[in-house]
Amino acid sequence: MPSELPGLTLLDTVTLWRMGKSIVTLGGLVSGLVIVVAAMLAARVLGAGLRRLRARQADQAASIYIVEKLVTYGLVVFGLIAGLSTLGMDLSSLAVFAGALGVGVGLGLQGIVKEFVAGLVLVFDRLIRIGDYIEIQTGERGVVQEVGPRATRIRNNDDIDVLIPNSRLIEAPVTNWTHGGDTRRLHVPFPVAYGADKERVRDAVLKAAHAVPFTLPDTPRRRTQVWLVGFSDNGLKFELVVWPTLEAVKRPNAAQAAYTWAVEEALRAGGFELPLPQRELRLRGLFGEEGDQALTALKLKKPKAAAPARKTKPITNDAAVDLMVRAEAEPQDEDAIRERKPS
């Protein structure tokens, strides 16, 4: 036999099975397995190298991640096709098998295929990229570390990895805190007792906020402000509105705690009273008067002298200023401008 078939090795002469016109030999099987294993090893090595490059090039992480997925998936697919060809399989004869496999995928593996396709969409859509800080409806949030074939891995601020099925990031609303921007605005609520000087509260809190190291400097469009947002049963409700750095945005709980700490210290240093739950009881029926008037009428308290009128300076309303600045910055609708002009 070797003399009659000089071009074949001993392994090529050992026939394992026949499939139509395809003859699978032992030599072809070994060669095919070597090609598949080599392709998978090459995909793993190149993927590891690209991951190290992605860690060093943080600004290009999203683009490098796409290249990484294309290279690793492409090498694996190429290795499988080349291995089957080397094995001696006629790929055109696998059409019936591929059709049967497709039916099986449609019936039993549709969930896996759905997640795989969703992962490809996430990789190439780039609305959610590696390094983005995202939050989903169920409350999980963290930095995107990897988009896998089945799930996306995010790491929260406690360094805990959370696996989220890819389809959930496509079908449900997702908040991307860091997409297409260098900062996000944070709202830090705090209360102050009634009667406090609003201007002094504002100055003290602004000074404390600017002293926090990750607060960005004020610009015409982004300014640290203090808003009076409401009235409670016990006091005034304020909000510190601040623009921190992007790294602070990725750790919202820590940033919120840091600003709350700074605000409390500023209020305590300024002598401002924090409101406590209280109820006011008014007595009526004493000569038709109440409170101090009733005590004065019973001669138990001397009447108070009228306090002189105090001159007040204009108070800056940060919320109104913010609305005006943003309204001037936004482009005007030409039709609306034309309608306002006199004919």
Protein backbone atom coordinates (compact mmCIF):
# COMPACT_ATOMS: atom_id res chain seq x y z
CA MET A 1 0.00 0.00 0.00
CA PRO A 2 2.71 2.60 0.80
CA SER A 3 4.37 1.89 -2.53
CA GLU A 4 1.13 2.42 -4.41
CA LEU A 5 0.31 5.67 -2.60
CA PRO A 6 3.69 7.34 -2.11
CA GLY A 7 2.19 10.77 -1.37
CA LEU A 8 0.39 9.59 1.77
CA THR A 9 1.81 8.89 5.16
CA LEU A 10 0.91 5.86 7.18
CA LEU A 11 -1.75 7.83 9.12
CA ASP A 12 -3.35 8.99 5.89
CA THR A 13 -3.90 5.42 4.83
CA VAL A 14 -5.99 4.60 7.91
CA THR A 15 -9.61 5.35 7.03
CA LEU A 16 -11.88 6.08 9.99
CA TRP A 17 -15.23 6.61 8.26
CA ARG A 18 -16.88 7.81 5.09
CA MET A 19 -19.52 10.54 4.76
CA GLY A 20 -20.76 10.79 1.22
CA LYS A 21 -17.77 11.70 -0.92
CA SER A 22 -15.70 12.64 2.13
CA ILE A 23 -13.19 10.20 3.54
CA VAL A 24 -11.97 10.87 7.07
CA THR A 25 -8.53 9.45 7.79
CA LEU A 26 -6.53 9.27 10.98
CA GLY A 27 -3.96 11.70 9.60
CA GLY A 28 -6.65 14.20 8.63
CA LEU A 29 -8.21 13.93 12.09
CA VAL A 30 -4.88 14.62 13.81
CA SER A 31 -4.11 17.54 11.47
CA GLY A 32 -7.57 19.03 11.98
CA LEU A 33 -7.29 18.82 15.76
CA VAL A 34 -3.85 20.45 15.65
CA ILE A 35 -5.20 23.33 13.56
CA VAL A 36 -8.20 23.89 15.87
CA VAL A 37 -6.07 23.78 19.03
CA ALA A 38 -3.48 26.12 17.48
CA ALA A 39 -6.21 28.61 16.49
CA MET A 40 -7.68 28.58 20.00
CA LEU A 41 -4.25 29.04 21.60
CA ALA A 42 -3.49 31.90 19.21
CA ALA A 43 -6.85 33.50 20.05
CA ARG A 44 -6.12 33.23 23.77
CA VAL A 45 -2.60 34.66 23.48
CA LEU A 46 -3.66 37.56 21.25
CA GLY A 47 -6.67 38.25 23.49
CA ALA A 48 -4.43 38.41 26.57
CA GLY A 49 -2.06 40.79 24.80
CA LEU A 50 -4.87 43.06 23.69
CA ARG A 51 -6.31 43.07 27.23
CA ARG A 52 -2.95 44.24 28.60
CA LEU A 53 -2.81 46.91 25.90
CA ARG A 54 -6.36 47.98 26.79
CA ALA A 55 -5.38 48.34 30.46
CA ARG A 56 -2.49 50.66 29.50
CA GLN A 57 -4.44 52.67 26.93
CA ALA A 58 -7.49 53.66 28.98
CA ASP A 59 -8.58 56.36 26.52
CA GLN A 60 -8.74 53.81 23.66
CA ALA A 61 -10.20 50.95 25.72
CA ALA A 62 -13.49 50.75 23.80
CA SER A 63 -11.82 50.56 20.35
CA ILE A 64 -9.23 48.02 21.51
CA TYR A 65 -12.01 45.89 23.00
CA ILE A 66 -13.77 45.69 19.62
CA VAL A 67 -10.51 44.63 17.96
CA GLU A 68 -9.99 42.03 20.71
CA LYS A 69 -13.40 40.46 20.12
CA LEU A 70 -12.99 40.46 16.32
CA VAL A 71 -9.57 38.81 16.52
CA THR A 72 -10.49 36.14 19.08
CA TYR A 73 -13.84 35.22 17.53
CA GLY A 74 -12.36 35.32 14.01
CA LEU A 75 -9.45 33.02 14.88
CA VAL A 76 -11.74 30.47 16.53
CA VAL A 77 -14.13 30.40 13.56
CA PHE A 78 -11.25 30.22 11.07
CA GLY A 79 -9.67 27.38 13.04
CA LEU A 80 -12.90 25.38 13.06
CA ILE A 81 -13.43 25.79 9.31
CA ALA A 82 -9.80 25.01 8.49
CA GLY A 83 -9.85 22.01 10.81
CA LEU A 84 -12.94 20.57 9.14
CA SER A 85 -11.40 21.08 5.70
CA THR A 86 -8.17 19.40 6.76
CA LEU A 87 -10.18 16.58 8.27
CA GLY A 88 -11.38 15.82 4.76
CA MET A 89 -14.97 16.92 5.28
CA ASP A 90 -16.82 18.35 2.31
CA LEU A 91 -18.40 21.43 3.87
CA SER A 92 -21.10 21.52 1.20
CA SER A 93 -22.29 18.12 2.43
CA LEU A 94 -22.94 19.57 5.86
CA ALA A 95 -25.89 21.63 4.64
CA VAL A 96 -28.45 19.11 5.92
CA PHE A 97 -26.64 18.85 9.25
CA ALA A 98 -26.51 22.64 9.51
CA GLY A 99 -30.24 22.83 8.85
CA ALA A 100 -30.97 20.29 11.56
CA LEU A 101 -28.65 22.16 13.91
CA GLY A 102 -30.51 25.38 13.15
CA VAL A 103 -33.81 23.77 14.12
CA GLY A 104 -32.24 22.57 17.36
CA VAL A 105 -30.91 26.05 18.07
CA GLY A 106 -34.32 27.53 17.41
CA LEU A 107 -36.02 25.14 19.82
CA GLY A 108 -33.59 24.58 22.67
CA LEU A 109 -30.72 27.07 22.44
CA GLN A 110 -32.59 30.24 21.55
CA GLY A 111 -31.75 31.83 24.90
CA ILE A 112 -28.01 31.34 24.40
CA VAL A 113 -28.16 32.58 20.81
CA LYS A 114 -30.20 35.60 21.94
CA GLU A 115 -27.58 36.58 24.51
CA PHE A 116 -24.73 36.04 22.04
CA VAL A 117 -26.33 38.26 19.39
CA ALA A 118 -27.14 40.89 22.05
CA GLY A 119 -23.47 40.84 23.09
CA LEU A 120 -22.39 41.49 19.49
CA VAL A 121 -24.83 44.40 19.30
CA LEU A 122 -23.41 45.88 22.52
CA VAL A 123 -19.84 45.57 21.24
CA PHE A 124 -20.48 47.26 17.90
CA ASP A 125 -23.21 49.71 18.98
CA ARG A 126 -20.82 51.44 21.43
CA LEU A 127 -23.58 53.07 23.46
CA ILE A 128 -22.25 51.01 26.38
CA ARG A 129 -18.46 50.78 26.29
CA ILE A 130 -15.73 49.33 28.45
CA GLY A 131 -15.07 51.73 31.34
CA ASP A 132 -18.57 53.28 31.36
CA TYR A 133 -20.40 53.57 34.68
CA ILE A 134 -23.94 52.26 34.15
CA GLU A 135 -27.03 51.65 36.24
CA ILE A 136 -29.96 49.40 35.35
CA GLN A 137 -33.56 49.50 36.54
CA THR A 138 -33.13 46.84 39.21
CA GLY A 139 -30.51 48.95 40.98
CA GLU A 140 -27.25 47.27 39.96
CA ARG A 141 -24.60 49.74 38.91
CA GLY A 142 -20.87 49.71 38.28
CA VAL A 143 -18.09 50.05 35.72
CA VAL A 144 -18.35 47.86 32.61
CA GLN A 145 -15.41 45.43 32.60
CA GLU A 146 -16.30 42.96 29.84
CA VAL A 147 -19.02 42.16 27.31
CA GLY A 148 -19.00 38.36 27.05
CA PRO A 149 -20.91 36.01 24.73
CA ARG A 150 -23.61 35.46 27.36
CA ALA A 151 -23.42 38.27 29.95
CA THR A 152 -21.84 41.65 30.60
CA ARG A 153 -19.61 41.87 33.66
CA ILE A 154 -19.71 45.08 35.68
CA ARG A 155 -17.78 45.83 38.87
CA ASN A 156 -19.50 47.90 41.54
CA ASN A 157 -17.82 50.26 43.98
CA ASP A 158 -17.32 47.42 46.48
CA ASP A 159 -15.20 45.55 43.89
CA ILE A 160 -17.93 42.93 43.45
CA ASP A 161 -18.44 41.62 39.91
CA VAL A 162 -22.07 41.50 38.77
CA LEU A 163 -23.07 39.49 35.68
CA ILE A 164 -25.97 40.97 33.70
CA PRO A 165 -27.48 39.11 30.71
CA ASN A 166 -26.69 41.01 27.52
CA SER A 167 -30.32 41.16 26.42
CA ARG A 168 -31.29 43.14 29.54
CA LEU A 169 -28.93 45.93 28.53
CA ILE A 170 -30.70 46.16 25.16
CA GLU A 171 -34.34 45.61 26.05
CA ALA A 172 -34.55 47.61 29.30
CA PRO A 173 -33.62 51.25 30.02
CA VAL A 174 -30.02 51.70 31.16
CA THR A 175 -28.55 54.85 32.71
CA ASN A 176 -25.04 55.50 31.42
CA TRP A 177 -23.52 58.00 33.84
CA THR A 178 -20.34 58.61 31.85
CA HIS A 179 -21.34 58.33 28.18
CA GLY A 180 -20.15 61.24 26.07
CA GLY A 181 -19.22 63.62 28.90
CA ASP A 182 -16.54 64.53 31.43
CA THR A 183 -18.82 65.04 34.46
CA ARG A 184 -22.37 64.78 35.81
CA ARG A 185 -24.24 66.98 38.27
CA LEU A 186 -24.92 65.71 41.78
CA HIS A 187 -27.69 66.90 44.14
CA VAL A 188 -26.89 66.82 47.85
CA PRO A 189 -29.97 67.63 50.00
CA PHE A 190 -29.66 69.18 53.47
CA PRO A 191 -32.12 70.88 55.89
CA VAL A 192 -31.79 74.09 57.93
CA ALA A 193 -34.11 75.33 60.67
CA TYR A 194 -36.60 78.10 59.92
CA GLY A 195 -35.28 81.59 60.50
CA ALA A 196 -31.80 80.95 59.16
CA ASP A 197 -30.16 83.56 56.94
CA LYS A 198 -30.38 82.00 53.48
CA GLU A 199 -27.49 84.08 52.12
CA ARG A 200 -25.17 83.00 54.93
CA VAL A 201 -26.22 79.37 54.47
CA ARG A 202 -25.47 79.62 50.76
CA ASP A 203 -22.03 81.21 51.26
CA ALA A 204 -20.99 78.69 53.92
CA VAL A 205 -22.06 75.65 51.89
CA LEU A 206 -20.50 76.92 48.65
CA LYS A 207 -17.19 77.50 50.41
CA ALA A 208 -17.29 73.99 51.84
CA ALA A 209 -18.18 72.43 48.46
CA HIS A 210 -15.32 74.18 46.67
CA ALA A 211 -12.94 72.92 49.36
CA VAL A 212 -13.73 69.29 48.42
CA PRO A 213 -10.77 68.25 46.23
CA PHE A 214 -12.77 66.63 43.39
CA THR A 215 -15.10 69.60 42.79
CA LEU A 216 -14.59 71.11 39.33
CA PRO A 217 -14.01 74.88 39.00
CA ASP A 218 -17.02 76.98 38.06
CA THR A 219 -17.67 77.80 34.41
CA PRO A 220 -20.44 79.94 32.88
CA ARG A 221 -22.47 76.78 32.19
CA ARG A 222 -21.48 74.59 35.16
CA ARG A 223 -21.53 76.29 38.51
CA THR A 224 -21.70 74.98 42.06
CA GLN A 225 -24.94 76.33 43.51
CA VAL A 226 -27.26 76.12 46.51
CA TRP A 227 -30.98 75.86 45.83
CA LEU A 228 -33.90 76.32 48.21
CA VAL A 229 -36.19 73.53 47.02
CA GLY A 230 -39.00 73.33 49.57
CA PHE A 231 -40.42 73.61 53.06
CA SER A 232 -40.78 70.78 55.52
CA ASP A 233 -42.59 70.52 58.85
CA ASN A 234 -39.39 71.36 60.68
CA GLY A 235 -37.29 73.59 58.44
CA LEU A 236 -36.11 74.71 55.04
CA LYS A 237 -35.01 72.13 52.44
CA PHE A 238 -31.87 73.03 50.49
CA GLU A 239 -29.86 71.24 47.83
CA LEU A 240 -26.19 71.60 47.03
CA VAL A 241 -25.85 71.28 43.24
CA VAL A 242 -22.27 70.45 42.32
CA TRP A 243 -20.20 69.19 39.38
CA PRO A 244 -17.49 66.70 40.47
CA THR A 245 -14.76 65.04 38.41
CA LEU A 246 -15.52 61.99 36.29
CA GLU A 247 -13.79 59.65 38.71
CA ALA A 248 -16.01 60.97 41.52
CA VAL A 249 -19.09 60.45 39.31
CA LYS A 250 -18.16 56.76 39.05
CA ARG A 251 -18.35 56.54 42.87
CA PRO A 252 -21.63 58.38 43.56
CA ASN A 253 -22.17 57.02 47.07
CA ALA A 254 -18.71 58.10 48.21
CA ALA A 255 -19.08 61.50 46.53
CA GLN A 256 -22.50 62.03 48.15
CA ALA A 257 -21.07 61.11 51.55
CA ALA A 258 -18.08 63.43 51.11
CA TYR A 259 -20.26 66.43 50.23
CA THR A 260 -22.72 65.65 53.04
CA TRP A 261 -19.82 65.58 55.51
CA ALA A 262 -18.52 68.94 54.22
CA VAL A 263 -21.98 70.53 54.38
CA GLU A 264 -22.57 69.37 57.97
CA GLU A 265 -19.21 70.77 59.08
CA ALA A 266 -19.93 74.10 57.37
CA LEU A 267 -23.38 74.41 58.99
CA ARG A 268 -22.02 73.52 62.42
CA ALA A 269 -19.11 75.98 62.09
CA GLY A 270 -21.51 78.71 60.98
CA GLY A 271 -23.81 78.20 63.96
CA PHE A 272 -26.79 77.14 61.87
CA GLU A 273 -29.43 75.03 63.58
CA LEU A 274 -30.38 71.74 62.02
CA PRO A 275 -34.14 71.15 62.31
CA LEU A 276 -35.52 68.55 64.68
CA PRO A 277 -39.06 67.13 64.73
CA GLN A 278 -41.23 69.60 66.65
CA ARG A 279 -44.85 70.61 67.11
CA GLU A 280 -46.20 74.04 68.01
CA LEU A 281 -49.07 74.24 70.50
CA ARG A 282 -51.16 77.42 70.52
CA LEU A 283 -53.61 78.24 73.32
CA ARG A 284 -56.69 80.25 72.44
CA GLY A 285 -59.45 81.57 74.68
CA LEU A 286 -57.43 83.82 77.02
CA PHE A 287 -59.12 87.18 76.36
CA GLY A 288 -59.30 86.26 72.70
CA GLU A 289 -55.52 86.43 72.44
CA GLU A 290 -52.73 83.89 72.28
CA GLY A 291 -49.07 83.35 73.12
CA ASP A 292 -47.05 86.39 74.16
CA GLN A 293 -50.12 88.63 73.83
CA ALA A 294 -51.96 86.51 76.39
CA LEU A 295 -49.03 86.65 78.83
CA THR A 296 -48.77 90.41 78.37
CA ALA A 297 -52.49 90.82 78.99
CA LEU A 298 -52.14 88.89 82.28
CA LYS A 299 -49.18 91.15 83.18
CA LEU A 300 -46.90 88.09 83.34
CA LYS A 301 -44.61 89.44 80.63
CA LYS A 302 -43.57 92.90 79.58
CA PRO A 303 -44.44 93.89 76.03
CA LYS A 304 -41.57 93.68 73.56
CA ALA A 305 -40.32 96.84 71.93
CA ALA A 306 -40.72 96.91 68.20
CA ALA A 307 -37.51 95.84 66.51
CA PRO A 308 -36.03 98.37 64.12
CA ALA A 309 -36.35 97.55 60.44
CA ARG A 310 -33.24 95.84 59.14
CA LYS A 311 -31.82 96.66 55.78
CA THR A 312 -31.50 93.59 53.62
CA LYS A 313 -29.25 93.11 50.64
CA PRO A 314 -30.44 91.36 47.47
CA ILE A 315 -30.15 87.57 47.75
CA THR A 316 -28.85 85.51 44.83
CA ASN A 317 -31.33 82.87 43.73
CA ASP A 318 -29.09 80.19 42.20
CA ALA A 319 -31.96 78.18 40.72
CA ALA A 320 -33.30 81.19 38.80
CA VAL A 321 -29.79 82.09 37.60
CA ASP A 322 -29.22 78.54 36.40
CA LEU A 323 -32.43 78.56 34.36
CA MET A 324 -31.53 81.86 32.74
CA VAL A 325 -27.98 80.74 31.86
CA ARG A 326 -29.18 77.49 30.30
CA ALA A 327 -32.00 79.24 28.41
CA GLU A 328 -29.50 81.69 26.89
CA ALA A 329 -27.10 78.86 25.97
CA GLU A 330 -29.69 76.72 24.16
CA PRO A 331 -30.32 77.46 20.45
CA GLN A 332 -33.56 79.30 19.77
CA ASP A 333 -36.25 77.93 17.47
CA GLU A 334 -36.28 80.09 14.33
CA ASP A 335 -40.07 79.79 13.85
CA ALA A 336 -40.71 80.89 17.42
CA ILE A 337 -38.35 83.86 17.00
CA ARG A 338 -40.08 84.82 13.74
CA GLU A 339 -43.50 84.73 15.43
CA ARG A 340 -42.35 87.05 18.20
CA LYS A 341 -41.11 89.69 15.76
CA PRO A 342 -43.65 92.41 14.82
CA SER A 343 -44.99 92.04 11.35
